[in-house]
Amino acid sequence: TALQRFAREAVLKGEKTIIKEIAGDRDIKAEDVFKAYHRGDKLAIKLVEQEAYYLGVGMINLIALYNPERIAIGGGVSNEFDTFYDKMMETVEKRALKP
């Protein structure tokens, strides 16, 4: 996912974070970023908020194109839906075209 990719890139750049400590020897997963987020890691907070923003923008595009009654979100980030829902919806409410 984008969240994993952005986290990996940040770790490779040497940004200060506990994400790699949480992941250990294995590759970074979205769940590692969320664990760091819940522990107050500044990079993880930034990454989760960024992910919420981009998901919100994606939802806006779906709404504008198809006007669906519902939108389903799946994948690893959906396990932490409550964590980013408010920020995602804030983006949708600010940027979506009003009828």
PDB file of N, CA and C in Angstrom:
ATOM      1  N   THR A   1       0.836  -1.195   0.000  1.00  0.00           N
ATOM      2  CA  THR A   1       0.000   0.000   0.000  1.00  0.00           C
ATOM      3  C   THR A   1       0.874   1.249   0.000  1.00  0.00           C
ATOM      4  N   ALA A   2       0.228   2.359  -0.280  1.00  0.00           N
ATOM      5  CA  ALA A   2       0.957   3.633  -0.274  1.00  0.00           C
ATOM      6  C   ALA A   2       1.516   3.922   1.116  1.00  0.00           C
ATOM      7  N   LEU A   3       0.749   3.601   2.136  1.00  0.00           N
ATOM      8  CA  LEU A   3       1.199   3.851   3.507  1.00  0.00           C
ATOM      9  C   LEU A   3       2.497   3.101   3.792  1.00  0.00           C
ATOM     10  N   GLN A   4       2.556   1.852   3.397  1.00  0.00           N
ATOM     11  CA  GLN A   4       3.775   1.058   3.585  1.00  0.00           C
ATOM     12  C   GLN A   4       4.938   1.660   2.799  1.00  0.00           C
ATOM     13  N   ARG A   5       4.672   2.017   1.546  1.00  0.00           N
ATOM     14  CA  ARG A   5       5.726   2.564   0.691  1.00  0.00           C
ATOM     15  C   ARG A   5       6.291   3.856   1.267  1.00  0.00           C
ATOM     16  N   PHE A   6       5.409   4.764   1.684  1.00  0.00           N
ATOM     17  CA  PHE A   6       5.868   6.028   2.262  1.00  0.00           C
ATOM     18  C   PHE A   6       6.657   5.794   3.547  1.00  0.00           C
ATOM     19  N   ALA A   7       6.227   4.823   4.350  1.00  0.00           N
ATOM     20  CA  ALA A   7       6.943   4.507   5.591  1.00  0.00           C
ATOM     21  C   ALA A   7       8.329   3.950   5.283  1.00  0.00           C
ATOM     22  N   ARG A   8       8.404   3.029   4.326  1.00  0.00           N
ATOM     23  CA  ARG A   8       9.702   2.462   3.937  1.00  0.00           C
ATOM     24  C   ARG A   8      10.652   3.550   3.450  1.00  0.00           C
ATOM     25  N   GLU A   9      10.145   4.432   2.594  1.00  0.00           N
ATOM     26  CA  GLU A   9      10.975   5.513   2.053  1.00  0.00           C
ATOM     27  C   GLU A   9      11.493   6.413   3.170  1.00  0.00           C
ATOM     28  N   ALA A  10      10.631   6.738   4.127  1.00  0.00           N
ATOM     29  CA  ALA A  10      11.034   7.601   5.240  1.00  0.00           C
ATOM     30  C   ALA A  10      12.109   6.931   6.088  1.00  0.00           C
ATOM     31  N   VAL A  11      11.951   5.639   6.352  1.00  0.00           N
ATOM     32  CA  VAL A  11      12.946   4.899   7.139  1.00  0.00           C
ATOM     33  C   VAL A  11      14.280   4.869   6.392  1.00  0.00           C
ATOM     34  N   LEU A  12      14.227   4.623   5.087  1.00  0.00           N
ATOM     35  CA  LEU A  12      15.460   4.592   4.286  1.00  0.00           C
ATOM     36  C   LEU A  12      16.158   5.952   4.262  1.00  0.00           C
ATOM     37  N   LYS A  13      15.382   7.024   4.335  1.00  0.00           N
ATOM     38  CA  LYS A  13      15.956   8.375   4.373  1.00  0.00           C
ATOM     39  C   LYS A  13      16.535   8.701   5.746  1.00  0.00           C
ATOM     40  N   GLY A  14      16.253   7.853   6.726  1.00  0.00           N
ATOM     41  CA  GLY A  14      16.790   8.060   8.061  1.00  0.00           C
ATOM     42  C   GLY A  14      15.933   8.918   8.968  1.00  0.00           C
ATOM     43  N   GLU A  15      14.654   9.079   8.613  1.00  0.00           N
ATOM     44  CA  GLU A  15      13.775   9.871   9.474  1.00  0.00           C
ATOM     45  C   GLU A  15      13.595   9.165  10.817  1.00  0.00           C
ATOM     46  N   LYS A  16      13.495   9.968  11.867  1.00  0.00           N
ATOM     47  CA  LYS A  16      13.359   9.432  13.222  1.00  0.00           C
ATOM     48  C   LYS A  16      11.952   8.858  13.403  1.00  0.00           C
ATOM     49  N   THR A  17      11.898   7.580  13.762  1.00  0.00           N
ATOM     50  CA  THR A  17      10.620   6.897  13.920  1.00  0.00           C
ATOM     51  C   THR A  17      10.826   5.570  14.647  1.00  0.00           C
ATOM     52  N   ILE A  18       9.756   5.063  15.237  1.00  0.00           N
ATOM     53  CA  ILE A  18       9.804   3.736  15.865  1.00  0.00           C
ATOM     54  C   ILE A  18       9.207   2.662  14.952  1.00  0.00           C
ATOM     55  N   ILE A  19       8.826   3.058  13.751  1.00  0.00           N
ATOM     56  CA  ILE A  19       8.191   2.113  12.828  1.00  0.00           C
ATOM     57  C   ILE A  19       9.098   0.917  12.550  1.00  0.00           C
ATOM     58  N   LYS A  20      10.356   1.156  12.247  1.00  0.00           N
ATOM     59  CA  LYS A  20      11.282   0.055  11.940  1.00  0.00           C
ATOM     60  C   LYS A  20      11.508  -0.826  13.162  1.00  0.00           C
ATOM     61  N   GLU A  21      11.558  -0.220  14.326  1.00  0.00           N
ATOM     62  CA  GLU A  21      11.702  -0.987  15.572  1.00  0.00           C
ATOM     63  C   GLU A  21      10.517  -1.939  15.743  1.00  0.00           C
ATOM     64  N   ILE A  22       9.324  -1.464  15.442  1.00  0.00           N
ATOM     65  CA  ILE A  22       8.122  -2.290  15.558  1.00  0.00           C
ATOM     66  C   ILE A  22       8.150  -3.419  14.527  1.00  0.00           C
ATOM     67  N   ALA A  23       8.570  -3.108  13.302  1.00  0.00           N
ATOM     68  CA  ALA A  23       8.605  -4.112  12.229  1.00  0.00           C
ATOM     69  C   ALA A  23       9.691  -5.155  12.457  1.00  0.00           C
ATOM     70  N   GLY A  24      10.768  -4.751  13.116  1.00  0.00           N
ATOM     71  CA  GLY A  24      11.871  -5.686  13.339  1.00  0.00           C
ATOM     72  C   GLY A  24      12.593  -6.004  12.045  1.00  0.00           C
ATOM     73  N   ASP A  25      12.901  -7.275  11.834  1.00  0.00           N
ATOM     74  CA  ASP A  25      13.661  -7.696  10.652  1.00  0.00           C
ATOM     75  C   ASP A  25      12.810  -7.837   9.389  1.00  0.00           C
ATOM     76  N   ARG A  26      11.515  -7.855   9.538  1.00  0.00           N
ATOM     77  CA  ARG A  26      10.663  -8.042   8.362  1.00  0.00           C
ATOM     78  C   ARG A  26      10.339  -6.698   7.704  1.00  0.00           C
ATOM     79  N   ASP A  27       9.724  -6.777   6.547  1.00  0.00           N
ATOM     80  CA  ASP A  27       9.345  -5.578   5.809  1.00  0.00           C
ATOM     81  C   ASP A  27       8.252  -4.821   6.574  1.00  0.00           C
ATOM     82  N   ILE A  28       8.251  -3.520   6.463  1.00  0.00           N
ATOM     83  CA  ILE A  28       7.262  -2.679   7.145  1.00  0.00           C
ATOM     84  C   ILE A  28       5.880  -2.930   6.549  1.00  0.00           C
ATOM     85  N   LYS A  29       4.895  -3.070   7.432  1.00  0.00           N
ATOM     86  CA  LYS A  29       3.502  -3.254   7.029  1.00  0.00           C
ATOM     87  C   LYS A  29       2.678  -2.082   7.547  1.00  0.00           C
ATOM     88  N   ALA A  30       1.487  -1.922   6.993  1.00  0.00           N
ATOM     89  CA  ALA A  30       0.595  -0.851   7.432  1.00  0.00           C
ATOM     90  C   ALA A  30       0.320  -0.961   8.933  1.00  0.00           C
ATOM     91  N   GLU A  31       0.179  -2.177   9.430  1.00  0.00           N
ATOM     92  CA  GLU A  31      -0.114  -2.355  10.853  1.00  0.00           C
ATOM     93  C   GLU A  31       1.012  -1.808  11.735  1.00  0.00           C
ATOM     94  N   ASP A  32       2.252  -1.850  11.240  1.00  0.00           N
ATOM     95  CA  ASP A  32       3.381  -1.289  11.993  1.00  0.00           C
ATOM     96  C   ASP A  32       3.255   0.226  12.099  1.00  0.00           C
ATOM     97  N   VAL A  33       2.836   0.838  11.007  1.00  0.00           N
ATOM     98  CA  VAL A  33       2.651   2.294  11.002  1.00  0.00           C
ATOM     99  C   VAL A  33       1.537   2.673  11.975  1.00  0.00           C
ATOM    100  N   PHE A  34       0.446   1.915  11.972  1.00  0.00           N
ATOM    101  CA  PHE A  34      -0.657   2.210  12.885  1.00  0.00           C
ATOM    102  C   PHE A  34      -0.263   1.982  14.346  1.00  0.00           C
ATOM    103  N   LYS A  35       0.527   0.959  14.614  1.00  0.00           N
ATOM    104  CA  LYS A  35       1.008   0.744  15.990  1.00  0.00           C
ATOM    105  C   LYS A  35       1.846   1.930  16.444  1.00  0.00           C
ATOM    106  N   ALA A  36       2.722   2.402  15.563  1.00  0.00           N
ATOM    107  CA  ALA A  36       3.545   3.572  15.887  1.00  0.00           C
ATOM    108  C   ALA A  36       2.669   4.808  16.063  1.00  0.00           C
ATOM    109  N   TYR A  37       1.643   4.931  15.246  1.00  0.00           N
ATOM    110  CA  TYR A  37       0.689   6.045  15.354  1.00  0.00           C
ATOM    111  C   TYR A  37       0.062   6.065  16.748  1.00  0.00           C
ATOM    112  N   HIS A  38      -0.407   4.916  17.188  1.00  0.00           N
ATOM    113  CA  HIS A  38      -1.066   4.824  18.500  1.00  0.00           C
ATOM    114  C   HIS A  38      -0.093   5.055  19.655  1.00  0.00           C
ATOM    115  N   ARG A  39       1.199   4.925  19.385  1.00  0.00           N
ATOM    116  CA  ARG A  39       2.220   5.209  20.408  1.00  0.00           C
ATOM    117  C   ARG A  39       2.732   6.645  20.312  1.00  0.00           C
ATOM    118  N   GLY A  40       2.130   7.436  19.411  1.00  0.00           N
ATOM    119  CA  GLY A  40       2.472   8.854  19.324  1.00  0.00           C
ATOM    120  C   GLY A  40       3.659   9.194  18.446  1.00  0.00           C
ATOM    121  N   ASP A  41       4.097   8.265  17.605  1.00  0.00           N
ATOM    122  CA  ASP A  41       5.231   8.511  16.712  1.00  0.00           C
ATOM    123  C   ASP A  41       4.866   9.608  15.706  1.00  0.00           C
ATOM    124  N   LYS A  42       5.673  10.664  15.660  1.00  0.00           N
ATOM    125  CA  LYS A  42       5.356  11.824  14.819  1.00  0.00           C
ATOM    126  C   LYS A  42       5.309  11.480  13.337  1.00  0.00           C
ATOM    127  N   LEU A  43       6.246  10.673  12.875  1.00  0.00           N
ATOM    128  CA  LEU A  43       6.235  10.289  11.465  1.00  0.00           C
ATOM    129  C   LEU A  43       4.993   9.463  11.151  1.00  0.00           C
ATOM    130  N   ALA A  44       4.657   8.522  12.006  1.00  0.00           N
ATOM    131  CA  ALA A  44       3.478   7.684  11.780  1.00  0.00           C
ATOM    132  C   ALA A  44       2.210   8.532  11.755  1.00  0.00           C
ATOM    133  N   ILE A  45       2.119   9.507  12.636  1.00  0.00           N
ATOM    134  CA  ILE A  45       0.957  10.404  12.647  1.00  0.00           C
ATOM    135  C   ILE A  45       0.869  11.141  11.317  1.00  0.00           C
ATOM    136  N   LYS A  46       1.993  11.654  10.858  1.00  0.00           N
ATOM    137  CA  LYS A  46       2.034  12.367   9.574  1.00  0.00           C
ATOM    138  C   LYS A  46       1.609  11.448   8.427  1.00  0.00           C
ATOM    139  N   LEU A  47       2.117  10.225   8.422  1.00  0.00           N
ATOM    140  CA  LEU A  47       1.803   9.284   7.351  1.00  0.00           C
ATOM    141  C   LEU A  47       0.335   8.866   7.358  1.00  0.00           C
ATOM    142  N   VAL A  48      -0.225   8.614   8.531  1.00  0.00           N
ATOM    143  CA  VAL A  48      -1.634   8.215   8.623  1.00  0.00           C
ATOM    144  C   VAL A  48      -2.532   9.373   8.198  1.00  0.00           C
ATOM    145  N   GLU A  49      -2.200  10.586   8.614  1.00  0.00           N
ATOM    146  CA  GLU A  49      -2.998  11.745   8.201  1.00  0.00           C
ATOM    147  C   GLU A  49      -2.900  11.962   6.692  1.00  0.00           C
ATOM    148  N   GLN A  50      -1.724  11.730   6.130  1.00  0.00           N
ATOM    149  CA  GLN A  50      -1.535  11.840   4.681  1.00  0.00           C
ATOM    150  C   GLN A  50      -2.376  10.784   3.962  1.00  0.00           C
ATOM    151  N   GLU A  51      -2.359   9.566   4.471  1.00  0.00           N
ATOM    152  CA  GLU A  51      -3.156   8.481   3.895  1.00  0.00           C
ATOM    153  C   GLU A  51      -4.640   8.819   3.950  1.00  0.00           C
ATOM    154  N   ALA A  52      -5.095   9.362   5.069  1.00  0.00           N
ATOM    155  CA  ALA A  52      -6.498   9.744   5.216  1.00  0.00           C
ATOM    156  C   ALA A  52      -6.872  10.815   4.195  1.00  0.00           C
ATOM    157  N   TYR A  53      -5.976  11.771   3.995  1.00  0.00           N
ATOM    158  CA  TYR A  53      -6.220  12.830   3.016  1.00  0.00           C
ATOM    159  C   TYR A  53      -6.379  12.234   1.615  1.00  0.00           C
ATOM    160  N   TYR A  54      -5.443  11.376   1.219  1.00  0.00           N
ATOM    161  CA  TYR A  54      -5.497  10.802  -0.123  1.00  0.00           C
ATOM    162  C   TYR A  54      -6.700   9.876  -0.306  1.00  0.00           C
ATOM    163  N   LEU A  55      -7.078   9.153   0.726  1.00  0.00           N
ATOM    164  CA  LEU A  55      -8.298   8.345   0.638  1.00  0.00           C
ATOM    165  C   LEU A  55      -9.516   9.246   0.469  1.00  0.00           C
ATOM    166  N   GLY A  56      -9.515  10.373   1.170  1.00  0.00           N
ATOM    167  CA  GLY A  56     -10.597  11.343   1.020  1.00  0.00           C
ATOM    168  C   GLY A  56     -10.678  11.889  -0.394  1.00  0.00           C
ATOM    169  N   VAL A  57      -9.535  12.212  -0.978  1.00  0.00           N
ATOM    170  CA  VAL A  57      -9.498  12.703  -2.360  1.00  0.00           C
ATOM    171  C   VAL A  57     -10.014  11.620  -3.311  1.00  0.00           C
ATOM    172  N   GLY A  58      -9.618  10.387  -3.073  1.00  0.00           N
ATOM    173  CA  GLY A  58     -10.116   9.283  -3.893  1.00  0.00           C
ATOM    174  C   GLY A  58     -11.622   9.140  -3.785  1.00  0.00           C
ATOM    175  N   MET A  59     -12.138   9.296  -2.583  1.00  0.00           N
ATOM    176  CA  MET A  59     -13.588   9.218  -2.390  1.00  0.00           C
ATOM    177  C   MET A  59     -14.294  10.354  -3.127  1.00  0.00           C
ATOM    178  N   ILE A  60     -13.718  11.540  -3.080  1.00  0.00           N
ATOM    179  CA  ILE A  60     -14.299  12.683  -3.788  1.00  0.00           C
ATOM    180  C   ILE A  60     -14.401  12.373  -5.282  1.00  0.00           C
ATOM    181  N   ASN A  61     -13.350  11.800  -5.841  1.00  0.00           N
ATOM    182  CA  ASN A  61     -13.366  11.452  -7.264  1.00  0.00           C
ATOM    183  C   ASN A  61     -14.438  10.411  -7.575  1.00  0.00           C
ATOM    184  N   LEU A  62     -14.565   9.401  -6.719  1.00  0.00           N
ATOM    185  CA  LEU A  62     -15.614   8.397  -6.917  1.00  0.00           C
ATOM    186  C   LEU A  62     -17.001   9.026  -6.845  1.00  0.00           C
ATOM    187  N   ILE A  63     -17.193   9.900  -5.888  1.00  0.00           N
ATOM    188  CA  ILE A  63     -18.486  10.572  -5.729  1.00  0.00           C
ATOM    189  C   ILE A  63     -18.797  11.419  -6.957  1.00  0.00           C
ATOM    190  N   ALA A  64     -17.812  12.187  -7.429  1.00  0.00           N
ATOM    191  CA  ALA A  64     -18.022  13.061  -8.586  1.00  0.00           C
ATOM    192  C   ALA A  64     -18.324  12.262  -9.856  1.00  0.00           C
ATOM    193  N   LEU A  65     -17.656  11.134 -10.024  1.00  0.00           N
ATOM    194  CA  LEU A  65     -17.831  10.349 -11.245  1.00  0.00           C
ATOM    195  C   LEU A  65     -19.080   9.470 -11.242  1.00  0.00           C
ATOM    196  N   TYR A  66     -19.348   8.836 -10.101  1.00  0.00           N
ATOM    197  CA  TYR A  66     -20.381   7.806 -10.070  1.00  0.00           C
ATOM    198  C   TYR A  66     -21.554   8.079  -9.139  1.00  0.00           C
ATOM    199  N   ASN A  67     -21.411   9.020  -8.234  1.00  0.00           N
ATOM    200  CA  ASN A  67     -22.445   9.317  -7.240  1.00  0.00           C
ATOM    201  C   ASN A  67     -22.978   8.036  -6.579  1.00  0.00           C
ATOM    202  N   PRO A  68     -22.094   7.221  -6.021  1.00  0.00           N
ATOM    203  CA  PRO A  68     -22.539   5.955  -5.424  1.00  0.00           C
ATOM    204  C   PRO A  68     -23.278   6.176  -4.102  1.00  0.00           C
ATOM    205  N   GLU A  69     -24.108   5.210  -3.760  1.00  0.00           N
ATOM    206  CA  GLU A  69     -24.785   5.264  -2.465  1.00  0.00           C
ATOM    207  C   GLU A  69     -23.825   4.908  -1.340  1.00  0.00           C
ATOM    208  N   ARG A  70     -22.888   4.010  -1.637  1.00  0.00           N
ATOM    209  CA  ARG A  70     -21.908   3.564  -0.640  1.00  0.00           C
ATOM    210  C   ARG A  70     -20.555   3.377  -1.305  1.00  0.00           C
ATOM    211  N   ILE A  71     -19.514   3.490  -0.484  1.00  0.00           N
ATOM    212  CA  ILE A  71     -18.159   3.205  -0.937  1.00  0.00           C
ATOM    213  C   ILE A  71     -17.539   2.255   0.082  1.00  0.00           C
ATOM    214  N   ALA A  72     -16.999   1.148  -0.404  1.00  0.00           N
ATOM    215  CA  ALA A  72     -16.356   0.171   0.483  1.00  0.00           C
ATOM    216  C   ALA A  72     -14.845   0.379   0.457  1.00  0.00           C
ATOM    217  N   ILE A  73     -14.232   0.315   1.623  1.00  0.00           N
ATOM    218  CA  ILE A  73     -12.783   0.416   1.743  1.00  0.00           C
ATOM    219  C   ILE A  73     -12.278  -0.906   2.299  1.00  0.00           C
ATOM    220  N   GLY A  74     -11.317  -1.503   1.609  1.00  0.00           N
ATOM    221  CA  GLY A  74     -10.765  -2.786   2.036  1.00  0.00           C
ATOM    222  C   GLY A  74      -9.260  -2.701   2.173  1.00  0.00           C
ATOM    223  N   GLY A  75      -8.644  -3.836   2.330  1.00  0.00           N
ATOM    224  CA  GLY A  75      -7.194  -3.879   2.463  1.00  0.00           C
ATOM    225  C   GLY A  75      -6.758  -3.682   3.897  1.00  0.00           C
ATOM    226  N   GLY A  76      -5.448  -3.622   4.081  1.00  0.00           N
ATOM    227  CA  GLY A  76      -4.869  -3.527   5.423  1.00  0.00           C
ATOM    228  C   GLY A  76      -5.299  -2.307   6.206  1.00  0.00           C
ATOM    229  N   VAL A  77      -5.456  -1.177   5.517  1.00  0.00           N
ATOM    230  CA  VAL A  77      -5.823   0.037   6.250  1.00  0.00           C
ATOM    231  C   VAL A  77      -7.250  -0.027   6.787  1.00  0.00           C
ATOM    232  N   SER A  78      -8.091  -0.869   6.194  1.00  0.00           N
ATOM    233  CA  SER A  78      -9.477  -0.942   6.661  1.00  0.00           C
ATOM    234  C   SER A  78      -9.572  -1.471   8.092  1.00  0.00           C
ATOM    235  N   ASN A  79      -8.550  -2.189   8.551  1.00  0.00           N
ATOM    236  CA  ASN A  79      -8.537  -2.670   9.936  1.00  0.00           C
ATOM    237  C   ASN A  79      -8.442  -1.528  10.935  1.00  0.00           C
ATOM    238  N   GLU A  80      -7.962  -0.380  10.473  1.00  0.00           N
ATOM    239  CA  GLU A  80      -7.810   0.799  11.340  1.00  0.00           C
ATOM    240  C   GLU A  80      -8.728   1.927  10.884  1.00  0.00           C
ATOM    241  N   PHE A  81      -9.848   1.558  10.286  1.00  0.00           N
ATOM    242  CA  PHE A  81     -10.771   2.538   9.720  1.00  0.00           C
ATOM    243  C   PHE A  81     -11.119   3.645  10.711  1.00  0.00           C
ATOM    244  N   ASP A  82     -11.394   3.279  11.955  1.00  0.00           N
ATOM    245  CA  ASP A  82     -11.762   4.281  12.968  1.00  0.00           C
ATOM    246  C   ASP A  82     -10.643   5.281  13.221  1.00  0.00           C
ATOM    247  N   THR A  83      -9.411   4.876  12.974  1.00  0.00           N
ATOM    248  CA  THR A  83      -8.263   5.747  13.220  1.00  0.00           C
ATOM    249  C   THR A  83      -8.221   6.912  12.241  1.00  0.00           C
ATOM    250  N   PHE A  84      -8.561   6.665  10.978  1.00  0.00           N
ATOM    251  CA  PHE A  84      -8.418   7.719   9.975  1.00  0.00           C
ATOM    252  C   PHE A  84      -9.737   8.241   9.414  1.00  0.00           C
ATOM    253  N   TYR A  85     -10.860   7.680   9.843  1.00  0.00           N
ATOM    254  CA  TYR A  85     -12.166   8.060   9.287  1.00  0.00           C
ATOM    255  C   TYR A  85     -12.438   9.559   9.396  1.00  0.00           C
ATOM    256  N   ASP A  86     -12.276  10.134  10.577  1.00  0.00           N
ATOM    257  CA  ASP A  86     -12.606  11.551  10.765  1.00  0.00           C
ATOM    258  C   ASP A  86     -11.775  12.446   9.857  1.00  0.00           C
ATOM    259  N   LYS A  87     -10.483  12.182   9.769  1.00  0.00           N
ATOM    260  CA  LYS A  87      -9.595  12.989   8.923  1.00  0.00           C
ATOM    261  C   LYS A  87      -9.965  12.815   7.445  1.00  0.00           C
ATOM    262  N   MET A  88     -10.289  11.597   7.052  1.00  0.00           N
ATOM    263  CA  MET A  88     -10.686  11.328   5.676  1.00  0.00           C
ATOM    264  C   MET A  88     -11.970  12.083   5.334  1.00  0.00           C
ATOM    265  N   MET A  89     -12.950  12.017   6.227  1.00  0.00           N
ATOM    266  CA  MET A  89     -14.224  12.684   5.978  1.00  0.00           C
ATOM    267  C   MET A  89     -14.090  14.204   6.024  1.00  0.00           C
ATOM    268  N   GLU A  90     -13.159  14.698   6.808  1.00  0.00           N
ATOM    269  CA  GLU A  90     -12.882  16.135   6.832  1.00  0.00           C
ATOM    270  C   GLU A  90     -12.446  16.591   5.436  1.00  0.00           C
ATOM    271  N   THR A  91     -11.605  15.815   4.792  1.00  0.00           N
ATOM    272  CA  THR A  91     -11.164  16.123   3.429  1.00  0.00           C
ATOM    273  C   THR A  91     -12.346  16.082   2.468  1.00  0.00           C
ATOM    274  N   VAL A  92     -13.168  15.054   2.574  1.00  0.00           N
ATOM    275  CA  VAL A  92     -14.333  14.922   1.694  1.00  0.00           C
ATOM    276  C   VAL A  92     -15.260  16.118   1.875  1.00  0.00           C
ATOM    277  N   GLU A  93     -15.570  16.464   3.107  1.00  0.00           N
ATOM    278  CA  GLU A  93     -16.509  17.554   3.367  1.00  0.00           C
ATOM    279  C   GLU A  93     -15.967  18.907   2.913  1.00  0.00           C
ATOM    280  N   LYS A  94     -14.658  19.118   3.030  1.00  0.00           N
ATOM    281  CA  LYS A  94     -14.058  20.390   2.617  1.00  0.00           C
ATOM    282  C   LYS A  94     -13.964  20.526   1.106  1.00  0.00           C
ATOM    283  N   ARG A  95     -13.693  19.418   0.412  1.00  0.00           N
ATOM    284  CA  ARG A  95     -13.329  19.503  -0.999  1.00  0.00           C
ATOM    285  C   ARG A  95     -14.362  18.976  -1.989  1.00  0.00           C
ATOM    286  N   ALA A  96     -15.327  18.209  -1.528  1.00  0.00           N
ATOM    287  CA  ALA A  96     -16.316  17.649  -2.457  1.00  0.00           C
ATOM    288  C   ALA A  96     -17.231  18.752  -2.972  1.00  0.00           C
ATOM    289  N   LEU A  97     -17.631  18.612  -4.227  1.00  0.00           N
ATOM    290  CA  LEU A  97     -18.569  19.571  -4.804  1.00  0.00           C
ATOM    291  C   LEU A  97     -19.917  19.420  -4.120  1.00  0.00           C
ATOM    292  N   LYS A  98     -20.495  20.531  -3.788  1.00  0.00           N
ATOM    293  CA  LYS A  98     -21.810  20.510  -3.142  1.00  0.00           C
ATOM    294  C   LYS A  98     -22.894  20.554  -4.222  1.00  0.00           C
ATOM    295  N   PRO A  99     -24.026  19.870  -3.990  1.00  0.00           N
ATOM    296  CA  PRO A  99     -25.120  19.875  -4.993  1.00  0.00           C
ATOM    297  C   PRO A  99     -25.735  21.254  -5.143  1.00  0.00           C
TER     298      PRO A  99
END
